[in-house]
Amino acid sequence: MPIEENFEFESDAYRNEVKNFSIARLKQQEKAMGRKCLTSGFATSFGVGSAWFSGGLSLLLAGYKSRSTYVAYKKREIIQAELRKRNQEVGHITGKDAAVSWSIGMIAALVGMEIGDFTADITNIEEMGKGLAPDANDSTGLLTDPGKAAEGMAGQVQQLAAHALGENAASVATQVAAADATAYHAGMIQAKIIEEHLGNEATEAALVALTSPPEEPKSGCSRTKAVEQGQLGWCNRCGKSIGAGHCYWHCCNCDHDNYDICLKCKTKDISCKNRNHTLTKLQVPT
């Protein structure tokens, strides 16, 4: 789900939206939202558990994931109500759903930690940490000197930018007075935590999209006829054909309703010409 949707979600608007969904799409979204609830719940628990080591910052991130869990739960609830209105049986979260969701959560968490390890290796976070007072931890100084902590966050980002440009990241490290080093270091740690979360969020979103079942083409979409006839397509980004039985993502807005993205490009977070467009996951018939 887009970030803004977590904060702007309105039950009545979504309730009106799902009235136009086909039964197949309702069931697809029901399963997807069930998995989203589990995945976001895992991330929430992870954020709460790491609060002590992040100076409380991960609690804010956990709050965001908690909101994401709530929105997914409400969407699933609305979808199931619509299914009942159409005399359809509602689904249940299965062991497979739980396994997929928790696997996604674990992989996303590992990717986030790998990003954290990478940023620690190319910056002087660990070097500064060795010089801290024995009673200091990674969050000491955040509240006592927030200004210097903010400088630390900016300094960490500056070092990453220098590394990306092929420069010596350590050479751009600010010379910090011993009295300010604790707060500066804590700020660098907070920047690293945010970067870990962004990597976690991107990985989770990609894996949820890739593991969700394909939908049926929307009514009026040009792909409806093509899918029914078993026609093969090609990716508008890499130009390669999309074989029978393969999933792909279709945009009804780009190129006069004729824009597809293959699985390989999707895993690279490649989208259509406008990231505000909604992509539909479809499958070429076998």
Protein backbone atom coordinates (compact mmCIF):
# COMPACT_ATOMS: atom_id res chain seq x y z
CA MET A 1 0.00 0.00 0.00
CA PRO A 2 1.29 3.52 -0.76
CA ILE A 3 2.58 5.41 2.29
CA GLU A 4 -0.01 8.17 1.99
CA GLU A 5 -2.82 5.61 1.96
CA ASN A 6 -1.90 4.50 5.47
CA PHE A 7 -2.70 7.97 6.77
CA GLU A 8 -5.51 8.98 4.43
CA PHE A 9 -7.48 5.73 4.41
CA GLU A 10 -11.25 6.21 4.61
CA SER A 11 -13.46 3.19 5.17
CA ASP A 12 -16.49 4.61 3.35
CA ALA A 13 -14.49 5.50 0.24
CA TYR A 14 -12.91 2.04 0.11
CA ARG A 15 -16.30 0.42 0.72
CA ASN A 16 -17.63 2.19 -2.38
CA GLU A 17 -14.54 1.21 -4.35
CA VAL A 18 -14.83 -2.53 -3.69
CA LYS A 19 -18.44 -2.54 -4.94
CA ASN A 20 -16.97 -2.38 -8.45
CA PHE A 21 -14.55 -5.28 -7.87
CA SER A 22 -15.16 -8.62 -9.53
CA ILE A 23 -15.51 -11.63 -7.23
CA ALA A 24 -12.11 -12.88 -8.37
CA ARG A 25 -10.50 -9.56 -7.50
CA LEU A 26 -12.23 -9.44 -4.12
CA LYS A 27 -10.84 -12.85 -3.22
CA GLN A 28 -7.39 -11.90 -4.46
CA GLN A 29 -7.38 -8.74 -2.36
CA GLU A 30 -8.78 -10.60 0.63
CA LYS A 31 -5.78 -12.94 0.58
CA ALA A 32 -3.33 -10.12 -0.08
CA MET A 33 -4.64 -8.04 2.84
CA GLY A 34 -4.52 -11.06 5.14
CA ARG A 35 -0.85 -11.56 4.33
CA LYS A 36 -0.23 -7.83 4.71
CA CYS A 37 -1.68 -7.94 8.24
CA LEU A 38 0.74 -10.69 9.23
CA THR A 39 3.77 -9.12 7.55
CA SER A 40 3.18 -5.67 9.06
CA GLY A 41 2.51 -7.26 12.44
CA PHE A 42 5.94 -8.90 12.29
CA ALA A 43 7.58 -5.56 11.48
CA THR A 44 5.71 -3.89 14.35
CA SER A 45 7.00 -6.47 16.83
CA PHE A 46 10.53 -6.09 15.47
CA GLY A 47 10.34 -2.31 15.89
CA VAL A 48 9.11 -2.55 19.48
CA GLY A 49 11.76 -5.13 20.33
CA SER A 50 14.62 -2.96 19.06
CA ALA A 51 13.43 0.25 20.77
CA TRP A 52 16.08 0.05 23.50
CA PHE A 53 18.88 -0.05 20.94
CA SER A 54 17.50 2.78 18.80
CA GLY A 55 16.80 5.39 21.44
CA GLY A 56 13.08 4.95 20.84
CA LEU A 57 13.21 5.81 17.13
CA SER A 58 12.12 2.32 16.13
CA LEU A 59 8.95 2.88 18.17
CA LEU A 60 7.95 5.58 15.68
CA LEU A 61 8.62 3.18 12.83
CA ALA A 62 6.66 0.50 14.69
CA GLY A 63 3.80 2.97 15.01
CA TYR A 64 3.77 3.40 11.24
CA LYS A 65 3.74 -0.37 10.70
CA SER A 66 0.98 -0.69 13.28
CA ARG A 67 -1.10 1.76 11.27
CA SER A 68 -0.32 -0.26 8.12
CA THR A 69 -1.56 -3.40 9.89
CA TYR A 70 -4.77 -1.64 10.91
CA VAL A 71 -5.49 -0.40 7.36
CA ALA A 72 -4.90 -3.88 5.91
CA TYR A 73 -7.20 -5.37 8.57
CA LYS A 74 -9.97 -2.84 7.83
CA LYS A 75 -9.65 -3.43 4.08
CA ARG A 76 -9.92 -7.18 4.58
CA GLU A 77 -12.96 -6.66 6.79
CA ILE A 78 -14.68 -4.50 4.13
CA ILE A 79 -13.81 -6.98 1.38
CA GLN A 80 -15.26 -9.86 3.35
CA ALA A 81 -18.46 -7.90 3.98
CA GLU A 82 -18.79 -7.36 0.23
CA LEU A 83 -18.20 -11.06 -0.44
CA ARG A 84 -20.96 -11.98 2.01
CA LYS A 85 -23.33 -9.57 0.26
CA ARG A 86 -22.70 -11.51 -2.95
CA ASN A 87 -23.32 -14.82 -1.15
CA GLN A 88 -19.67 -15.79 -1.45
CA GLU A 89 -17.74 -17.72 1.16
CA VAL A 90 -15.03 -15.68 2.87
CA GLY A 91 -11.53 -17.02 3.13
CA HIS A 92 -9.39 -17.71 6.17
CA ILE A 93 -5.71 -17.10 6.84
CA THR A 94 -4.00 -20.43 6.24
CA GLY A 95 -0.75 -21.88 7.41
CA LYS A 96 0.69 -21.14 3.97
CA ASP A 97 -0.32 -17.47 4.30
CA ALA A 98 1.37 -17.31 7.70
CA ALA A 99 4.52 -18.99 6.39
CA VAL A 100 4.75 -16.68 3.38
CA SER A 101 4.09 -13.57 5.47
CA TRP A 102 6.57 -14.38 8.22
CA SER A 103 9.18 -15.37 5.63
CA ILE A 104 8.71 -11.98 3.96
CA GLY A 105 9.05 -10.28 7.35
CA MET A 106 12.25 -12.18 8.13
CA ILE A 107 13.80 -11.50 4.72
CA ALA A 108 12.89 -7.81 4.89
CA ALA A 109 14.39 -7.57 8.39
CA LEU A 110 17.58 -9.28 7.23
CA VAL A 111 17.87 -6.92 4.26
CA GLY A 112 17.46 -3.98 6.63
CA MET A 113 20.20 -5.30 8.91
CA GLU A 114 22.49 -5.92 5.92
CA ILE A 115 21.98 -2.30 4.88
CA GLY A 116 22.85 -1.25 8.42
CA ASP A 117 26.04 -3.33 8.37
CA PHE A 118 26.98 -1.86 4.99
CA THR A 119 26.55 1.75 6.15
CA ALA A 120 28.52 1.00 9.31
CA ASP A 121 31.38 -0.39 7.21
CA ILE A 122 31.71 2.65 4.93
CA THR A 123 31.26 5.34 7.60
CA ASN A 124 33.07 6.06 10.83
CA ILE A 125 30.15 5.07 13.09
CA GLU A 126 32.00 2.17 14.69
CA GLU A 127 35.22 4.14 15.00
CA MET A 128 33.43 6.92 16.88
CA GLY A 129 31.60 4.39 19.02
CA LYS A 130 34.90 3.00 20.35
CA GLY A 131 35.76 6.40 21.81
CA LEU A 132 32.56 6.88 23.79
CA ALA A 133 32.40 6.84 27.57
CA PRO A 134 31.94 3.35 29.10
CA ASP A 135 28.44 4.19 30.35
CA ALA A 136 27.24 5.57 26.96
CA ASN A 137 25.08 3.62 24.52
CA ASP A 138 23.86 4.19 20.97
CA SER A 139 21.13 6.60 22.08
CA THR A 140 23.01 8.57 24.72
CA GLY A 141 22.94 12.28 23.92
CA LEU A 142 19.84 12.32 21.73
CA LEU A 143 17.79 14.30 24.24
CA THR A 144 20.57 16.19 25.98
CA ASP A 145 22.03 17.58 22.74
CA PRO A 146 19.50 17.13 19.87
CA GLY A 147 21.25 19.75 17.74
CA LYS A 148 24.51 17.84 17.68
CA ALA A 149 22.58 14.60 17.10
CA ALA A 150 20.96 16.21 14.03
CA GLU A 151 24.45 17.12 12.79
CA GLY A 152 25.42 13.48 13.24
CA MET A 153 22.51 12.34 11.08
CA ALA A 154 23.50 14.80 8.36
CA GLY A 155 27.15 13.77 8.66
CA GLN A 156 26.31 10.11 8.21
CA VAL A 157 24.32 10.87 5.04
CA GLN A 158 27.20 13.03 3.79
CA GLN A 159 29.60 10.13 4.22
CA LEU A 160 27.29 7.79 2.28
CA ALA A 161 27.03 10.35 -0.52
CA ALA A 162 30.82 10.62 -0.65
CA HIS A 163 31.13 6.84 -0.91
CA ALA A 164 28.56 6.76 -3.74
CA LEU A 165 30.66 9.33 -5.62
CA GLY A 166 33.78 7.22 -5.23
CA GLU A 167 35.37 9.45 -2.61
CA ASN A 168 36.88 8.44 0.71
CA ALA A 169 33.87 8.53 3.02
CA ALA A 170 36.00 8.82 6.15
CA SER A 171 37.67 11.97 4.80
CA VAL A 172 34.40 13.92 4.96
CA ALA A 173 33.73 13.01 8.59
CA THR A 174 33.30 16.07 10.75
CA GLN A 175 35.94 16.59 13.41
CA VAL A 176 33.78 16.46 16.51
CA ALA A 177 34.90 17.63 19.90
CA ALA A 178 35.04 14.91 22.56
CA ALA A 179 32.23 16.60 24.50
CA ASP A 180 29.93 16.42 21.44
CA ALA A 181 30.98 13.01 20.13
CA THR A 182 28.36 11.03 22.07
CA ALA A 183 25.38 12.98 20.70
CA TYR A 184 26.91 13.14 17.20
CA HIS A 185 27.43 9.39 17.21
CA ALA A 186 23.86 8.83 18.41
CA GLY A 187 22.61 10.92 15.47
CA MET A 188 24.60 8.78 13.05
CA ILE A 189 23.02 5.68 14.57
CA GLN A 190 19.54 7.15 14.06
CA ALA A 191 20.31 7.83 10.38
CA LYS A 192 21.44 4.21 10.02
CA ILE A 193 18.20 2.97 11.60
CA ILE A 194 16.11 5.03 9.18
CA GLU A 195 18.10 3.62 6.24
CA GLU A 196 17.56 0.10 7.57
CA HIS A 197 13.82 0.76 7.80
CA LEU A 198 13.64 2.13 4.26
CA GLY A 199 15.39 -0.99 2.96
CA ASN A 200 13.08 -3.16 5.04
CA GLU A 201 9.99 -1.36 3.73
CA ALA A 202 11.07 -1.55 0.07
CA THR A 203 11.91 -5.25 0.36
CA GLU A 204 8.64 -6.05 2.09
CA ALA A 205 6.59 -4.16 -0.51
CA ALA A 206 8.36 -5.92 -3.38
CA LEU A 207 7.97 -9.40 -1.88
CA VAL A 208 4.30 -8.86 -0.98
CA ALA A 209 3.63 -7.79 -4.57
CA LEU A 210 5.53 -10.75 -6.00
CA THR A 211 3.86 -13.37 -3.78
CA SER A 212 0.30 -12.07 -4.11
CA PRO A 213 -1.88 -14.08 -6.53
CA PRO A 214 -2.63 -12.51 -9.95
CA GLU A 215 -5.89 -10.65 -10.52
CA GLU A 216 -8.38 -10.72 -13.35
CA PRO A 217 -8.17 -7.82 -15.83
CA LYS A 218 -10.55 -5.01 -14.93
CA SER A 219 -13.67 -4.52 -16.98
CA GLY A 220 -12.88 -2.38 -20.03
CA CYS A 221 -9.15 -3.04 -19.81
CA SER A 222 -7.56 -3.92 -23.15
CA ARG A 223 -5.80 -6.84 -21.53
CA THR A 224 -9.09 -8.62 -20.81
CA LYS A 225 -9.47 -9.82 -24.38
CA ALA A 226 -5.77 -10.56 -24.76
CA VAL A 227 -5.67 -12.72 -21.62
CA GLU A 228 -8.85 -14.58 -22.60
CA GLN A 229 -7.28 -15.41 -25.96
CA GLY A 230 -4.01 -16.49 -24.37
CA GLN A 231 -1.99 -13.91 -26.23
CA LEU A 232 1.62 -13.43 -25.13
CA GLY A 233 2.95 -9.95 -24.46
CA TRP A 234 6.29 -8.26 -23.94
CA CYS A 235 7.80 -6.02 -21.29
CA ASN A 236 7.77 -2.33 -22.13
CA ARG A 237 10.90 -1.78 -20.04
CA CYS A 238 13.32 -4.55 -21.09
CA GLY A 239 11.61 -5.58 -24.32
CA LYS A 240 11.61 -9.30 -23.53
CA SER A 241 8.55 -11.48 -24.17
CA ILE A 242 6.33 -12.65 -21.31
CA GLY A 243 5.79 -16.38 -21.64
CA ALA A 244 2.69 -18.48 -21.03
CA GLY A 245 1.95 -18.95 -17.34
CA HIS A 246 4.18 -16.04 -16.32
CA CYS A 247 2.95 -13.16 -14.18
CA TYR A 248 3.37 -9.52 -15.18
CA TRP A 249 2.10 -6.09 -14.14
CA HIS A 250 -0.18 -4.07 -16.39
CA CYS A 251 -0.90 -0.31 -16.38
CA CYS A 252 -4.22 0.74 -17.89
CA ASN A 253 -3.12 4.40 -18.10
CA CYS A 254 0.19 4.33 -19.96
CA ASP A 255 0.55 3.95 -23.75
CA HIS A 256 -3.21 3.86 -24.33
CA ASP A 257 -3.79 0.91 -21.98
CA ASN A 258 -0.94 -1.13 -23.41
CA TYR A 259 1.92 -1.05 -20.91
CA ASP A 260 3.28 -4.21 -19.24
CA ILE A 261 6.18 -4.91 -16.89
CA CYS A 262 7.70 -8.38 -16.53
CA LEU A 263 8.50 -10.12 -13.25
CA LYS A 264 12.26 -9.53 -13.59
CA CYS A 265 11.81 -5.77 -13.98
CA LYS A 266 9.28 -5.67 -11.14
CA THR A 267 11.78 -7.24 -8.75
CA LYS A 268 14.05 -4.28 -9.53
CA ASP A 269 11.27 -1.91 -8.41
CA ILE A 270 10.75 -0.72 -11.98
CA SER A 271 7.35 0.85 -12.53
CA CYS A 272 5.45 2.41 -15.42
CA LYS A 273 5.88 6.01 -16.60
CA ASN A 274 4.05 7.38 -13.55
CA ARG A 275 4.50 5.89 -10.08
CA ASN A 276 1.09 7.22 -9.06
CA HIS A 277 -0.57 4.78 -11.47
CA THR A 278 -1.98 1.53 -10.10
CA LEU A 279 -0.46 -1.61 -11.61
CA THR A 280 -2.51 -4.80 -11.86
CA LYS A 281 -0.80 -8.16 -11.46
CA LEU A 282 -1.96 -10.48 -14.27
CA GLN A 283 -0.95 -13.85 -15.61
CA VAL A 284 -0.60 -15.08 -19.18
CA PRO A 285 -2.77 -18.21 -19.58
CA THR A 286 -1.03 -21.51 -20.17
